Amino acid sequence: MTAESPVRQVPCPGCRRPAAFTPENRWRPFCSERCKTGDLGAWASNAYVIEGPPIDESSDQMAGPDTYPAPTHPPGRA
C-alpha cells in the first residue's frame, strides 16, 4: 500500500489563487492559460522594468566580458 503525497500548491503569480505545481498543470506556476498569457503580455509591453537611469547602449556603460577583473586563484592552483 502506497500513500500518495499531497499536491504542492503555490500562489498563481497572476491572480494569487492556489495553483497545482505538478507536471500535469500545463500552465504552472500559473493557474490557467489566462493568467500565463496576461503575464506574457505584461512582460512584452515592458511592464516589468527595473528602476534606474537609462543606459546608453553606444557608450562604455554596458558591462561586457572585458570589463570584469580576471579571476584569482589561491596559491598552488592553476
N, C-alpha and C. Protein backbone atom coordinates (compact mmCIF):
# COMPACT_ATOMS: atom_id res chain seq x y z
N MET A 1 0.83 -1.17 0.00
CA MET A 1 0.00 0.00 0.00
C MET A 1 0.89 1.24 0.00
N THR A 2 0.65 2.16 -0.93
CA THR A 2 1.45 3.37 -1.03
C THR A 2 0.58 4.58 -0.74
N ALA A 3 1.14 5.51 -0.03
CA ALA A 3 0.42 6.75 0.27
C ALA A 3 0.84 7.80 -0.75
N GLU A 4 -0.14 8.43 -1.35
CA GLU A 4 0.18 9.48 -2.31
C GLU A 4 0.56 10.75 -1.56
N SER A 5 1.59 11.43 -2.06
CA SER A 5 1.99 12.68 -1.42
C SER A 5 1.01 13.78 -1.84
N PRO A 6 0.79 14.74 -0.96
CA PRO A 6 -0.15 15.81 -1.30
C PRO A 6 0.39 16.66 -2.46
N VAL A 7 -0.52 17.20 -3.24
CA VAL A 7 -0.15 18.04 -4.37
C VAL A 7 0.34 19.38 -3.83
N ARG A 8 1.51 19.79 -4.28
CA ARG A 8 2.06 21.07 -3.84
C ARG A 8 1.28 22.20 -4.50
N GLN A 9 0.80 23.11 -3.69
CA GLN A 9 0.06 24.28 -4.18
C GLN A 9 0.94 25.52 -4.02
N VAL A 10 0.96 26.35 -5.04
CA VAL A 10 1.69 27.63 -5.00
C VAL A 10 0.73 28.73 -5.40
N PRO A 11 0.95 29.96 -4.93
CA PRO A 11 0.08 31.05 -5.37
C PRO A 11 0.38 31.41 -6.82
N CYS A 12 -0.66 31.53 -7.62
CA CYS A 12 -0.51 31.91 -9.02
C CYS A 12 0.08 33.31 -9.07
N PRO A 13 1.14 33.53 -9.86
CA PRO A 13 1.72 34.88 -9.96
C PRO A 13 0.75 35.90 -10.55
N GLY A 14 -0.25 35.45 -11.27
CA GLY A 14 -1.19 36.38 -11.88
C GLY A 14 -2.33 36.81 -10.99
N CYS A 15 -2.97 35.84 -10.32
CA CYS A 15 -4.18 36.15 -9.55
C CYS A 15 -4.09 35.75 -8.09
N ARG A 16 -3.01 35.09 -7.70
CA ARG A 16 -2.75 34.66 -6.32
C ARG A 16 -3.62 33.49 -5.86
N ARG A 17 -4.45 32.91 -6.74
CA ARG A 17 -5.21 31.71 -6.36
C ARG A 17 -4.26 30.54 -6.29
N PRO A 18 -4.59 29.51 -5.51
CA PRO A 18 -3.73 28.32 -5.45
C PRO A 18 -3.65 27.63 -6.81
N ALA A 19 -2.45 27.24 -7.17
CA ALA A 19 -2.23 26.51 -8.43
C ALA A 19 -1.40 25.28 -8.13
N ALA A 20 -1.77 24.16 -8.73
CA ALA A 20 -1.03 22.92 -8.53
C ALA A 20 0.33 23.03 -9.21
N PHE A 21 1.39 22.76 -8.48
CA PHE A 21 2.74 22.81 -9.04
C PHE A 21 3.16 21.39 -9.37
N THR A 22 2.54 20.85 -10.41
CA THR A 22 2.82 19.48 -10.85
C THR A 22 2.97 19.48 -12.36
N PRO A 23 3.61 18.44 -12.92
CA PRO A 23 3.74 18.36 -14.38
C PRO A 23 2.39 18.33 -15.10
N GLU A 24 1.35 17.90 -14.40
CA GLU A 24 0.04 17.83 -15.04
C GLU A 24 -0.56 19.22 -15.27
N ASN A 25 -0.11 20.22 -14.52
CA ASN A 25 -0.59 21.59 -14.71
C ASN A 25 0.24 22.22 -15.83
N ARG A 26 -0.33 22.26 -17.02
CA ARG A 26 0.43 22.72 -18.19
C ARG A 26 0.76 24.21 -18.15
N TRP A 27 0.16 24.96 -17.22
CA TRP A 27 0.43 26.41 -17.12
C TRP A 27 1.27 26.75 -15.91
N ARG A 28 1.79 25.76 -15.20
CA ARG A 28 2.49 26.03 -13.95
C ARG A 28 3.61 27.04 -14.13
N PRO A 29 3.85 27.93 -13.24
CA PRO A 29 3.26 28.08 -11.92
C PRO A 29 1.94 28.84 -11.92
N PHE A 30 1.40 29.13 -13.09
CA PHE A 30 0.13 29.84 -13.18
C PHE A 30 -1.03 28.87 -13.00
N CYS A 31 -2.22 29.41 -12.70
CA CYS A 31 -3.38 28.54 -12.50
C CYS A 31 -4.12 28.28 -13.81
N SER A 32 -3.92 29.14 -14.80
CA SER A 32 -4.68 29.00 -16.04
C SER A 32 -3.92 29.63 -17.20
N GLU A 33 -4.41 29.33 -18.39
CA GLU A 33 -3.83 29.92 -19.60
C GLU A 33 -4.01 31.44 -19.58
N ARG A 34 -5.14 31.91 -19.05
CA ARG A 34 -5.41 33.35 -19.00
C ARG A 34 -4.35 34.07 -18.16
N CYS A 35 -4.02 33.54 -16.99
CA CYS A 35 -3.01 34.18 -16.16
C CYS A 35 -1.63 34.15 -16.81
N LYS A 36 -1.30 33.04 -17.45
CA LYS A 36 0.01 32.93 -18.12
C LYS A 36 0.10 33.91 -19.28
N THR A 37 -0.96 34.02 -20.07
CA THR A 37 -0.96 34.93 -21.21
C THR A 37 -0.91 36.39 -20.75
N GLY A 38 -1.63 36.70 -19.67
CA GLY A 38 -1.59 38.06 -19.12
C GLY A 38 -0.20 38.45 -18.67
N ASP A 39 0.51 37.52 -18.04
CA ASP A 39 1.87 37.78 -17.60
C ASP A 39 2.81 37.98 -18.79
N LEU A 40 2.65 37.17 -19.82
CA LEU A 40 3.48 37.32 -21.02
C LEU A 40 3.22 38.67 -21.67
N GLY A 41 1.95 39.09 -21.72
CA GLY A 41 1.62 40.39 -22.30
C GLY A 41 2.24 41.54 -21.51
N ALA A 42 2.23 41.42 -20.18
CA ALA A 42 2.84 42.45 -19.34
C ALA A 42 4.34 42.51 -19.58
N TRP A 43 4.97 41.36 -19.70
CA TRP A 43 6.41 41.32 -19.97
C TRP A 43 6.72 41.93 -21.33
N ALA A 44 5.94 41.60 -22.33
CA ALA A 44 6.19 42.09 -23.69
C ALA A 44 5.97 43.60 -23.80
N SER A 45 5.11 44.16 -22.95
CA SER A 45 4.86 45.60 -23.01
C SER A 45 5.73 46.37 -22.02
N ASN A 46 6.80 45.74 -21.55
CA ASN A 46 7.76 46.36 -20.63
C ASN A 46 7.15 46.79 -19.31
N ALA A 47 6.17 46.06 -18.82
CA ALA A 47 5.59 46.36 -17.51
C ALA A 47 6.55 45.96 -16.40
N TYR A 48 7.47 45.05 -16.69
CA TYR A 48 8.44 44.61 -15.69
C TYR A 48 9.78 45.25 -16.01
N VAL A 49 10.03 46.40 -15.43
CA VAL A 49 11.31 47.08 -15.64
C VAL A 49 11.92 47.38 -14.29
N ILE A 50 13.22 47.47 -14.25
CA ILE A 50 13.94 47.83 -13.04
C ILE A 50 14.21 49.31 -13.10
N GLU A 51 13.83 50.02 -12.04
CA GLU A 51 14.03 51.45 -11.99
C GLU A 51 15.51 51.81 -12.06
N GLY A 52 15.83 52.88 -12.73
CA GLY A 52 17.19 53.35 -12.82
C GLY A 52 17.35 54.21 -14.06
N PRO A 53 18.50 54.86 -14.17
CA PRO A 53 18.71 55.71 -15.34
C PRO A 53 18.82 54.86 -16.60
N PRO A 54 18.39 55.41 -17.73
CA PRO A 54 18.52 54.65 -18.98
C PRO A 54 19.99 54.44 -19.33
N ILE A 55 20.26 53.34 -19.95
CA ILE A 55 21.63 53.01 -20.35
C ILE A 55 21.81 53.36 -21.82
N ASP A 56 22.86 54.11 -22.10
CA ASP A 56 23.19 54.44 -23.48
C ASP A 56 23.98 53.27 -24.05
N GLU A 57 23.35 52.48 -24.92
CA GLU A 57 23.99 51.27 -25.42
C GLU A 57 25.21 51.55 -26.30
N SER A 58 25.37 52.77 -26.76
CA SER A 58 26.52 53.08 -27.61
C SER A 58 27.74 53.49 -26.78
N SER A 59 27.58 53.63 -25.47
CA SER A 59 28.70 54.04 -24.62
C SER A 59 29.35 52.81 -23.98
N ASP A 60 30.34 53.08 -23.15
CA ASP A 60 31.06 52.01 -22.46
C ASP A 60 30.38 51.60 -21.16
N GLN A 61 29.16 52.06 -20.91
CA GLN A 61 28.46 51.70 -19.69
C GLN A 61 28.04 50.24 -19.67
N MET A 62 27.90 49.65 -20.81
CA MET A 62 27.47 48.26 -20.87
C MET A 62 28.62 47.36 -20.39
N ALA A 63 28.31 46.49 -19.46
CA ALA A 63 29.32 45.56 -18.95
C ALA A 63 29.47 44.40 -19.91
N GLY A 64 30.67 44.12 -20.26
CA GLY A 64 30.96 43.00 -21.15
C GLY A 64 32.04 42.14 -20.53
N PRO A 65 32.42 41.06 -21.20
CA PRO A 65 33.41 40.16 -20.63
C PRO A 65 34.74 40.83 -20.37
N ASP A 66 35.08 41.89 -21.13
CA ASP A 66 36.37 42.56 -20.95
C ASP A 66 36.37 43.53 -19.78
N THR A 67 35.21 43.82 -19.20
CA THR A 67 35.15 44.79 -18.12
C THR A 67 35.27 44.15 -16.75
N TYR A 68 35.24 42.83 -16.66
CA TYR A 68 35.34 42.16 -15.38
C TYR A 68 36.80 41.84 -15.07
N PRO A 69 37.21 41.92 -13.80
CA PRO A 69 38.60 41.58 -13.47
C PRO A 69 38.85 40.09 -13.67
N ALA A 70 40.08 39.77 -13.95
CA ALA A 70 40.45 38.37 -14.15
C ALA A 70 40.32 37.63 -12.83
N PRO A 71 39.85 36.38 -12.86
CA PRO A 71 39.73 35.63 -11.61
C PRO A 71 41.09 35.35 -11.00
N THR A 72 41.13 35.33 -9.69
CA THR A 72 42.36 34.99 -8.99
C THR A 72 42.21 33.62 -8.39
N HIS A 73 43.30 32.89 -8.34
CA HIS A 73 43.30 31.54 -7.80
C HIS A 73 44.20 31.49 -6.58
N PRO A 74 43.86 30.66 -5.62
CA PRO A 74 44.75 30.51 -4.46
C PRO A 74 46.12 29.98 -4.88
N PRO A 75 47.16 30.26 -4.10
CA PRO A 75 48.50 29.74 -4.46
C PRO A 75 48.48 28.23 -4.61
N GLY A 76 49.19 27.75 -5.59
CA GLY A 76 49.28 26.31 -5.81
C GLY A 76 48.18 25.76 -6.71
N ARG A 77 47.26 26.59 -7.15
CA ARG A 77 46.20 26.13 -8.05
C ARG A 77 46.30 26.90 -9.35
N ALA A 78 45.95 26.25 -10.42
CA ALA A 78 46.00 26.90 -11.74
C ALA A 78 44.67 27.42 -12.12
